[in-house]
Amino acid sequence: MHSATSRAPDQASSPADDRASSAADIEARLTAELASVVAGARRRALRDGDRQLDTAHLLHSLMESDPEVRAAFESTPQIARVLGYLVQRSIGYGLRWQGSVEDSGEVPVMTQPGWSPSALTAMDHALRRAAARGRDRAGGCDLLAALAADAECRAVEVLHHAAVDPASLTRRLDESSRQG
């Protein structure tokens, strides 16, 4: 849990302070479950020897921990294929990503050490999706929809390899959010 820090009106904030508070603001607007997903993705990135948490780390952690996210897929074999590719990341598939920065070309709202620009952009889009649905906090399906919408991110590359159509996945998530 992050504590709020007050600043006297005459004290100027540095760009580093603004980025840190923005990252804290994002994490404060996640459901407890999604905050746990982010923590799991951080541990996975560290364990894999990656410099940054990326969208594939987020997808992996979502798939492992969120039953609503798994329910958004068409079938159990599709879920198994996605998880299979994600597990292989550290033993071959995905090794070409090590040492490189994931950047799908969108300008991130902010930067944060330890996060890829694409992962930050996905978190921002998840928060916007939640707000558009009248929610104060983003959940796992909000993040999955944000990941699937970024055609150039590593999570979508995994989905393509697992024969998952990101556009169909996004439509199912949108339909589900309108019904729920």
C-alpha atoms as a PDB file:
ATOM      1  CA  MET A   1       0.000   0.000   0.000  1.00  0.00           C
ATOM      2  CA  HIS A   2       1.346   3.406  -0.932  1.00  0.00           C
ATOM      3  CA  SER A   3       1.011   6.357   1.402  1.00  0.00           C
ATOM      4  CA  ALA A   4       0.194   9.802   0.146  1.00  0.00           C
ATOM      5  CA  THR A   5       2.907  12.388   0.517  1.00  0.00           C
ATOM      6  CA  SER A   6       1.914  16.006   0.913  1.00  0.00           C
ATOM      7  CA  ARG A   7       4.006  18.721  -0.613  1.00  0.00           C
ATOM      8  CA  ALA A   8       3.976  22.368   0.367  1.00  0.00           C
ATOM      9  CA  PRO A   9       2.552  24.532  -2.430  1.00  0.00           C
ATOM     10  CA  ASP A  10       5.867  26.334  -2.922  1.00  0.00           C
ATOM     11  CA  GLN A  11       7.844  23.098  -3.351  1.00  0.00           C
ATOM     12  CA  ALA A  12       8.293  22.101  -6.963  1.00  0.00           C
ATOM     13  CA  SER A  13       8.132  18.460  -7.952  1.00  0.00           C
ATOM     14  CA  SER A  14      10.764  16.905 -10.147  1.00  0.00           C
ATOM     15  CA  PRO A  15       9.891  14.804 -13.212  1.00  0.00           C
ATOM     16  CA  ALA A  16      11.087  11.734 -11.279  1.00  0.00           C
ATOM     17  CA  ASP A  17       8.612  12.552  -8.474  1.00  0.00           C
ATOM     18  CA  ASP A  18       5.803  12.900 -11.018  1.00  0.00           C
ATOM     19  CA  ARG A  19       6.610   9.517 -12.595  1.00  0.00           C
ATOM     20  CA  ALA A  20       6.756   7.804  -9.216  1.00  0.00           C
ATOM     21  CA  SER A  21       3.447   9.290  -8.124  1.00  0.00           C
ATOM     22  CA  SER A  22       1.891   8.304 -11.460  1.00  0.00           C
ATOM     23  CA  ALA A  23       3.005   4.701 -11.012  1.00  0.00           C
ATOM     24  CA  ALA A  24       1.640   4.721  -7.475  1.00  0.00           C
ATOM     25  CA  ASP A  25      -1.609   6.209  -8.796  1.00  0.00           C
ATOM     26  CA  ILE A  26      -1.953   3.387 -11.313  1.00  0.00           C
ATOM     27  CA  GLU A  27      -1.331   0.690  -8.732  1.00  0.00           C
ATOM     28  CA  ALA A  28      -3.792   2.317  -6.324  1.00  0.00           C
ATOM     29  CA  ARG A  29      -6.483   1.978  -9.004  1.00  0.00           C
ATOM     30  CA  LEU A  30      -6.153  -1.797  -9.443  1.00  0.00           C
ATOM     31  CA  THR A  31      -8.339  -4.415  -7.829  1.00  0.00           C
ATOM     32  CA  ALA A  32      -6.563  -6.475  -5.177  1.00  0.00           C
ATOM     33  CA  GLU A  33      -6.527  -9.385  -7.638  1.00  0.00           C
ATOM     34  CA  LEU A  34      -4.923  -7.322 -10.397  1.00  0.00           C
ATOM     35  CA  ALA A  35      -2.371  -5.883  -7.955  1.00  0.00           C
ATOM     36  CA  SER A  36      -1.474  -9.500  -7.155  1.00  0.00           C
ATOM     37  CA  VAL A  37      -1.128 -10.199 -10.906  1.00  0.00           C
ATOM     38  CA  VAL A  38       1.301  -7.266 -11.232  1.00  0.00           C
ATOM     39  CA  ALA A  39       3.327  -8.530  -8.268  1.00  0.00           C
ATOM     40  CA  GLY A  40       3.462 -11.992  -9.856  1.00  0.00           C
ATOM     41  CA  ALA A  41       4.563 -10.516 -13.185  1.00  0.00           C
ATOM     42  CA  ARG A  42       7.353  -8.605 -11.412  1.00  0.00           C
ATOM     43  CA  ARG A  43       8.569 -11.809  -9.752  1.00  0.00           C
ATOM     44  CA  ARG A  44       8.446 -13.634 -13.092  1.00  0.00           C
ATOM     45  CA  ALA A  45      10.468 -10.905 -14.826  1.00  0.00           C
ATOM     46  CA  LEU A  46      13.072 -11.018 -12.070  1.00  0.00           C
ATOM     47  CA  ARG A  47      13.221 -14.824 -12.126  1.00  0.00           C
ATOM     48  CA  ASP A  48      13.540 -14.829 -15.934  1.00  0.00           C
ATOM     49  CA  GLY A  49      16.435 -12.362 -15.748  1.00  0.00           C
ATOM     50  CA  ASP A  50      14.516  -9.703 -17.680  1.00  0.00           C
ATOM     51  CA  ARG A  51      15.267  -6.055 -17.025  1.00  0.00           C
ATOM     52  CA  GLN A  52      11.642  -5.054 -17.415  1.00  0.00           C
ATOM     53  CA  LEU A  53       8.198  -6.394 -16.684  1.00  0.00           C
ATOM     54  CA  ASP A  54       6.581  -6.706 -20.122  1.00  0.00           C
ATOM     55  CA  THR A  55       3.163  -7.563 -21.535  1.00  0.00           C
ATOM     56  CA  ALA A  56       3.970 -11.280 -21.790  1.00  0.00           C
ATOM     57  CA  HIS A  57       4.793 -11.326 -18.053  1.00  0.00           C
ATOM     58  CA  LEU A  58       1.450  -9.652 -17.375  1.00  0.00           C
ATOM     59  CA  LEU A  59      -0.397 -12.119 -19.629  1.00  0.00           C
ATOM     60  CA  HIS A  60       1.299 -15.087 -17.949  1.00  0.00           C
ATOM     61  CA  SER A  61       0.407 -13.896 -14.468  1.00  0.00           C
ATOM     62  CA  LEU A  62      -3.186 -13.132 -15.575  1.00  0.00           C
ATOM     63  CA  MET A  63      -3.615 -16.581 -17.114  1.00  0.00           C
ATOM     64  CA  GLU A  64      -2.320 -18.335 -14.007  1.00  0.00           C
ATOM     65  CA  SER A  65      -4.295 -16.423 -11.419  1.00  0.00           C
ATOM     66  CA  ASP A  66      -7.547 -15.050 -12.860  1.00  0.00           C
ATOM     67  CA  PRO A  67     -10.431 -17.457 -13.631  1.00  0.00           C
ATOM     68  CA  GLU A  68     -12.400 -14.662 -15.363  1.00  0.00           C
ATOM     69  CA  VAL A  69      -9.490 -14.106 -17.748  1.00  0.00           C
ATOM     70  CA  ARG A  70      -9.308 -17.822 -18.566  1.00  0.00           C
ATOM     71  CA  ALA A  71     -13.095 -17.860 -19.105  1.00  0.00           C
ATOM     72  CA  ALA A  72     -12.700 -15.195 -21.816  1.00  0.00           C
ATOM     73  CA  PHE A  73     -10.949 -17.688 -24.089  1.00  0.00           C
ATOM     74  CA  GLU A  74     -12.877 -19.893 -26.518  1.00  0.00           C
ATOM     75  CA  SER A  75     -11.761 -23.239 -25.146  1.00  0.00           C
ATOM     76  CA  THR A  76      -9.610 -25.122 -22.688  1.00  0.00           C
ATOM     77  CA  PRO A  77      -7.167 -26.172 -25.460  1.00  0.00           C
ATOM     78  CA  GLN A  78      -6.715 -22.494 -26.356  1.00  0.00           C
ATOM     79  CA  ILE A  79      -5.861 -21.698 -22.724  1.00  0.00           C
ATOM     80  CA  ALA A  80      -3.404 -24.609 -22.656  1.00  0.00           C
ATOM     81  CA  ARG A  81      -1.683 -23.391 -25.842  1.00  0.00           C
ATOM     82  CA  VAL A  82      -1.291 -19.853 -24.470  1.00  0.00           C
ATOM     83  CA  LEU A  83       0.093 -21.139 -21.173  1.00  0.00           C
ATOM     84  CA  GLY A  84       2.368 -23.529 -23.063  1.00  0.00           C
ATOM     85  CA  TYR A  85       3.967 -20.694 -25.011  1.00  0.00           C
ATOM     86  CA  LEU A  86       4.300 -18.586 -21.881  1.00  0.00           C
ATOM     87  CA  VAL A  87       5.980 -21.400 -19.931  1.00  0.00           C
ATOM     88  CA  GLN A  88       8.410 -21.959 -22.813  1.00  0.00           C
ATOM     89  CA  ARG A  89       9.477 -18.329 -22.652  1.00  0.00           C
ATOM     90  CA  SER A  90      12.308 -18.995 -20.219  1.00  0.00           C
ATOM     91  CA  ILE A  91      13.491 -22.172 -21.949  1.00  0.00           C
ATOM     92  CA  GLY A  92      13.647 -21.040 -25.548  1.00  0.00           C
ATOM     93  CA  TYR A  93      10.608 -19.229 -26.886  1.00  0.00           C
ATOM     94  CA  GLY A  94      10.998 -15.601 -25.927  1.00  0.00           C
ATOM     95  CA  LEU A  95      14.743 -15.714 -25.259  1.00  0.00           C
ATOM     96  CA  ARG A  96      15.179 -13.305 -28.143  1.00  0.00           C
ATOM     97  CA  TRP A  97      13.291 -10.790 -25.999  1.00  0.00           C
ATOM     98  CA  GLN A  98      15.879 -10.878 -23.208  1.00  0.00           C
ATOM     99  CA  GLY A  99      17.938  -7.746 -22.996  1.00  0.00           C
ATOM    100  CA  SER A 100      15.601  -5.785 -25.271  1.00  0.00           C
ATOM    101  CA  VAL A 101      12.972  -3.218 -24.395  1.00  0.00           C
ATOM    102  CA  GLU A 102       9.410  -4.012 -25.400  1.00  0.00           C
ATOM    103  CA  ASP A 103       7.991  -1.010 -27.174  1.00  0.00           C
ATOM    104  CA  SER A 104       5.048  -1.360 -29.505  1.00  0.00           C
ATOM    105  CA  GLY A 105       5.380   2.186 -30.773  1.00  0.00           C
ATOM    106  CA  GLU A 106       2.687   3.858 -28.684  1.00  0.00           C
ATOM    107  CA  VAL A 107       3.944   6.737 -26.610  1.00  0.00           C
ATOM    108  CA  PRO A 108       3.514   5.692 -22.981  1.00  0.00           C
ATOM    109  CA  VAL A 109       1.732   8.047 -20.642  1.00  0.00           C
ATOM    110  CA  MET A 110       4.698   7.766 -18.299  1.00  0.00           C
ATOM    111  CA  THR A 111       7.881   5.843 -17.790  1.00  0.00           C
ATOM    112  CA  GLN A 112       8.692   3.710 -14.811  1.00  0.00           C
ATOM    113  CA  PRO A 113      11.933   1.829 -14.139  1.00  0.00           C
ATOM    114  CA  GLY A 114      11.359  -1.889 -14.423  1.00  0.00           C
ATOM    115  CA  TRP A 115       8.320  -1.589 -16.736  1.00  0.00           C
ATOM    116  CA  SER A 116       8.324  -1.783 -20.521  1.00  0.00           C
ATOM    117  CA  PRO A 117       6.622   1.130 -22.288  1.00  0.00           C
ATOM    118  CA  SER A 118       4.055  -1.334 -23.689  1.00  0.00           C
ATOM    119  CA  ALA A 119       3.225  -2.730 -20.239  1.00  0.00           C
ATOM    120  CA  LEU A 120       2.665   0.791 -18.876  1.00  0.00           C
ATOM    121  CA  THR A 121       0.488   1.658 -21.870  1.00  0.00           C
ATOM    122  CA  ALA A 122      -1.562  -1.511 -21.306  1.00  0.00           C
ATOM    123  CA  MET A 123      -2.078  -0.603 -17.644  1.00  0.00           C
ATOM    124  CA  ASP A 124      -3.219   2.876 -18.628  1.00  0.00           C
ATOM    125  CA  HIS A 125      -5.658   1.440 -21.193  1.00  0.00           C
ATOM    126  CA  ALA A 126      -6.975  -1.030 -18.596  1.00  0.00           C
ATOM    127  CA  LEU A 127      -7.677   1.847 -16.215  1.00  0.00           C
ATOM    128  CA  ARG A 128      -9.451   3.787 -18.974  1.00  0.00           C
ATOM    129  CA  ARG A 129     -11.542   0.730 -19.881  1.00  0.00           C
ATOM    130  CA  ALA A 130     -12.575   0.292 -16.264  1.00  0.00           C
ATOM    131  CA  ALA A 131     -13.477   3.988 -15.969  1.00  0.00           C
ATOM    132  CA  ALA A 132     -15.553   3.804 -19.163  1.00  0.00           C
ATOM    133  CA  ARG A 133     -17.536   1.013 -17.509  1.00  0.00           C
ATOM    134  CA  GLY A 134     -18.039   3.143 -14.394  1.00  0.00           C
ATOM    135  CA  ARG A 135     -15.479   1.260 -12.296  1.00  0.00           C
ATOM    136  CA  ASP A 136     -12.985   2.892  -9.969  1.00  0.00           C
ATOM    137  CA  ARG A 137     -10.506   0.026 -10.265  1.00  0.00           C
ATOM    138  CA  ALA A 138      -9.227  -2.018 -13.198  1.00  0.00           C
ATOM    139  CA  GLY A 139      -9.524  -5.794 -13.098  1.00  0.00           C
ATOM    140  CA  GLY A 140      -7.948  -8.695 -14.937  1.00  0.00           C
ATOM    141  CA  CYS A 141     -10.327  -8.631 -17.903  1.00  0.00           C
ATOM    142  CA  ASP A 142      -9.649  -4.901 -18.338  1.00  0.00           C
ATOM    143  CA  LEU A 143      -5.946  -5.650 -18.594  1.00  0.00           C
ATOM    144  CA  LEU A 144      -6.493  -8.631 -20.907  1.00  0.00           C
ATOM    145  CA  ALA A 145      -8.564  -6.426 -23.244  1.00  0.00           C
ATOM    146  CA  ALA A 146      -5.822  -3.775 -23.202  1.00  0.00           C
ATOM    147  CA  LEU A 147      -3.145  -6.368 -23.972  1.00  0.00           C
ATOM    148  CA  ALA A 148      -5.167  -7.895 -26.814  1.00  0.00           C
ATOM    149  CA  ALA A 149      -5.774  -4.458 -28.341  1.00  0.00           C
ATOM    150  CA  ASP A 150      -2.038  -3.705 -28.815  1.00  0.00           C
ATOM    151  CA  ALA A 151      -1.179  -5.516 -32.027  1.00  0.00           C
ATOM    152  CA  GLU A 152       2.563  -4.939 -31.553  1.00  0.00           C
ATOM    153  CA  CYS A 153       3.057  -6.122 -27.971  1.00  0.00           C
ATOM    154  CA  ARG A 154       4.651  -9.381 -26.846  1.00  0.00           C
ATOM    155  CA  ALA A 155       1.403 -10.627 -25.290  1.00  0.00           C
ATOM    156  CA  VAL A 156      -0.300 -10.460 -28.696  1.00  0.00           C
ATOM    157  CA  GLU A 157       2.653 -12.276 -30.260  1.00  0.00           C
ATOM    158  CA  VAL A 158       2.053 -15.081 -27.753  1.00  0.00           C
ATOM    159  CA  LEU A 159      -1.670 -15.077 -28.537  1.00  0.00           C
ATOM    160  CA  HIS A 160      -0.969 -15.338 -32.273  1.00  0.00           C
ATOM    161  CA  HIS A 161       1.432 -18.261 -31.746  1.00  0.00           C
ATOM    162  CA  ALA A 162      -1.267 -19.999 -29.680  1.00  0.00           C
ATOM    163  CA  ALA A 163      -3.836 -19.491 -32.492  1.00  0.00           C
ATOM    164  CA  VAL A 164      -5.879 -16.967 -30.506  1.00  0.00           C
ATOM    165  CA  ASP A 165      -7.368 -14.114 -32.507  1.00  0.00           C
ATOM    166  CA  PRO A 166      -6.857 -10.991 -30.371  1.00  0.00           C
ATOM    167  CA  ALA A 167      -9.748  -9.145 -32.089  1.00  0.00           C
ATOM    168  CA  SER A 168     -12.181 -11.977 -31.267  1.00  0.00           C
ATOM    169  CA  LEU A 169     -10.892 -12.079 -27.711  1.00  0.00           C
ATOM    170  CA  THR A 170     -11.434  -8.327 -27.369  1.00  0.00           C
ATOM    171  CA  ARG A 171     -14.996  -8.647 -28.727  1.00  0.00           C
ATOM    172  CA  ARG A 172     -15.800 -11.402 -26.205  1.00  0.00           C
ATOM    173  CA  LEU A 173     -14.414  -9.278 -23.381  1.00  0.00           C
ATOM    174  CA  ASP A 174     -16.431  -6.244 -24.538  1.00  0.00           C
ATOM    175  CA  GLU A 175     -19.631  -8.316 -24.804  1.00  0.00           C
ATOM    176  CA  SER A 176     -19.029  -9.823 -21.374  1.00  0.00           C
ATOM    177  CA  SER A 177     -18.479  -6.403 -19.784  1.00  0.00           C
ATOM    178  CA  ARG A 178     -21.734  -5.087 -21.291  1.00  0.00           C
ATOM    179  CA  GLN A 179     -23.644  -8.065 -19.878  1.00  0.00           C
ATOM    180  CA  GLY A 180     -22.015  -7.922 -16.443  1.00  0.00           C
END
